[in-house]
Amino acid sequence: MVVVNETFAQRAFGSTDVIGRTVPLRSNMPPLTIVGVARAATYYELGEDPVPQAYGSVMQVYQPDLTFLIKTAADPVLV
């Protein structure tokens, strides 16, 4: 199972109505079923163009270079 962002869905399928479709994300894995579509977001700097993203469970698609995005109401330096 995988969640893709709107940009991924548009580029890969020409639509955001993609739930239930499958995508091959890696050559050494079977295709994953899309279970959700997230809004396109910026990842590195404000104003950048959205890029295709796929979000999988760490238990399902392990990568040693994971990035966590965390939103906090407090000053993140103090948390």
Protein backbone atom coordinates (compact mmCIF):
# COMPACT_ATOMS: atom_id res chain seq x y z
CA MET A 1 0.00 0.00 0.00
CA VAL A 2 1.17 3.50 -0.78
CA VAL A 3 -0.11 7.08 -0.59
CA VAL A 4 0.93 9.36 -3.46
CA ASN A 5 0.70 13.12 -3.74
CA GLU A 6 -1.40 14.97 -6.31
CA THR A 7 1.65 15.71 -8.45
CA PHE A 8 2.57 12.01 -8.64
CA ALA A 9 -1.01 11.05 -9.53
CA GLN A 10 -1.28 13.71 -12.26
CA ARG A 11 2.05 12.85 -13.86
CA ALA A 12 1.67 9.08 -13.67
CA PHE A 13 -2.05 8.76 -14.47
CA GLY A 14 -3.31 12.16 -15.63
CA SER A 15 -5.81 12.26 -12.77
CA THR A 16 -6.01 12.35 -8.98
CA ASP A 17 -8.68 9.62 -9.05
CA VAL A 18 -6.11 6.85 -8.59
CA ILE A 19 -7.13 4.93 -5.45
CA GLY A 20 -6.95 1.21 -6.15
CA ARG A 21 -4.46 1.54 -9.01
CA THR A 22 -1.03 -0.04 -8.69
CA VAL A 23 2.41 1.47 -9.21
CA PRO A 24 5.82 -0.17 -9.47
CA LEU A 25 8.08 1.94 -7.26
CA ARG A 26 11.12 -0.35 -7.27
CA SER A 27 12.25 -3.01 -9.70
CA ASN A 28 12.89 -5.53 -6.91
CA MET A 29 9.38 -5.20 -5.39
CA PRO A 30 5.88 -6.06 -6.58
CA PRO A 31 3.69 -3.07 -7.53
CA LEU A 32 2.03 -1.27 -4.62
CA THR A 33 -1.67 -0.37 -4.44
CA ILE A 34 -2.49 3.33 -4.04
CA VAL A 35 -4.69 3.80 -0.96
CA GLY A 36 -4.70 7.58 -0.70
CA VAL A 37 -3.79 10.89 -2.35
CA ALA A 38 -2.13 13.69 -0.37
CA ARG A 39 -1.93 17.34 -1.31
CA ALA A 40 1.18 18.45 -3.12
CA ALA A 41 3.53 20.19 -0.71
CA THR A 42 6.92 21.85 -0.63
CA TYR A 43 9.73 19.86 0.94
CA TYR A 44 12.86 21.97 0.82
CA GLU A 45 11.97 25.63 0.36
CA LEU A 46 8.90 27.83 0.01
CA GLY A 47 7.92 28.59 -3.56
CA GLU A 48 9.45 25.47 -5.08
CA ASP A 49 7.47 23.53 -7.67
CA PRO A 50 5.75 20.42 -6.29
CA VAL A 51 7.51 17.15 -7.05
CA PRO A 52 6.00 13.66 -7.29
CA GLN A 53 6.11 11.86 -3.94
CA ALA A 54 5.05 8.43 -2.73
CA TYR A 55 4.65 7.66 0.96
CA GLY A 56 4.92 4.09 2.15
CA SER A 57 5.05 2.44 5.52
CA VAL A 58 8.57 2.11 6.89
CA MET A 59 7.68 -1.53 7.61
CA GLN A 60 6.81 -2.04 3.95
CA VAL A 61 9.42 0.02 2.11
CA TYR A 62 12.51 0.36 4.32
CA GLN A 63 15.08 2.96 3.36
CA PRO A 64 18.02 3.86 5.57
CA ASP A 65 17.70 7.55 4.63
CA LEU A 66 14.25 8.36 6.01
CA THR A 67 12.99 11.90 6.53
CA PHE A 68 10.33 12.79 9.07
CA LEU A 69 8.25 15.95 8.67
CA ILE A 70 6.94 17.16 12.01
CA LYS A 71 4.62 20.10 12.63
CA THR A 72 4.68 21.74 16.05
CA ALA A 73 2.97 24.75 17.59
CA ALA A 74 5.97 25.36 19.84
CA ASP A 75 9.40 26.64 18.88
CA PRO A 76 11.04 23.53 17.37
CA VAL A 77 14.40 24.45 18.90
CA LEU A 78 12.86 24.16 22.37
CA VAL A 79 11.00 20.91 21.72
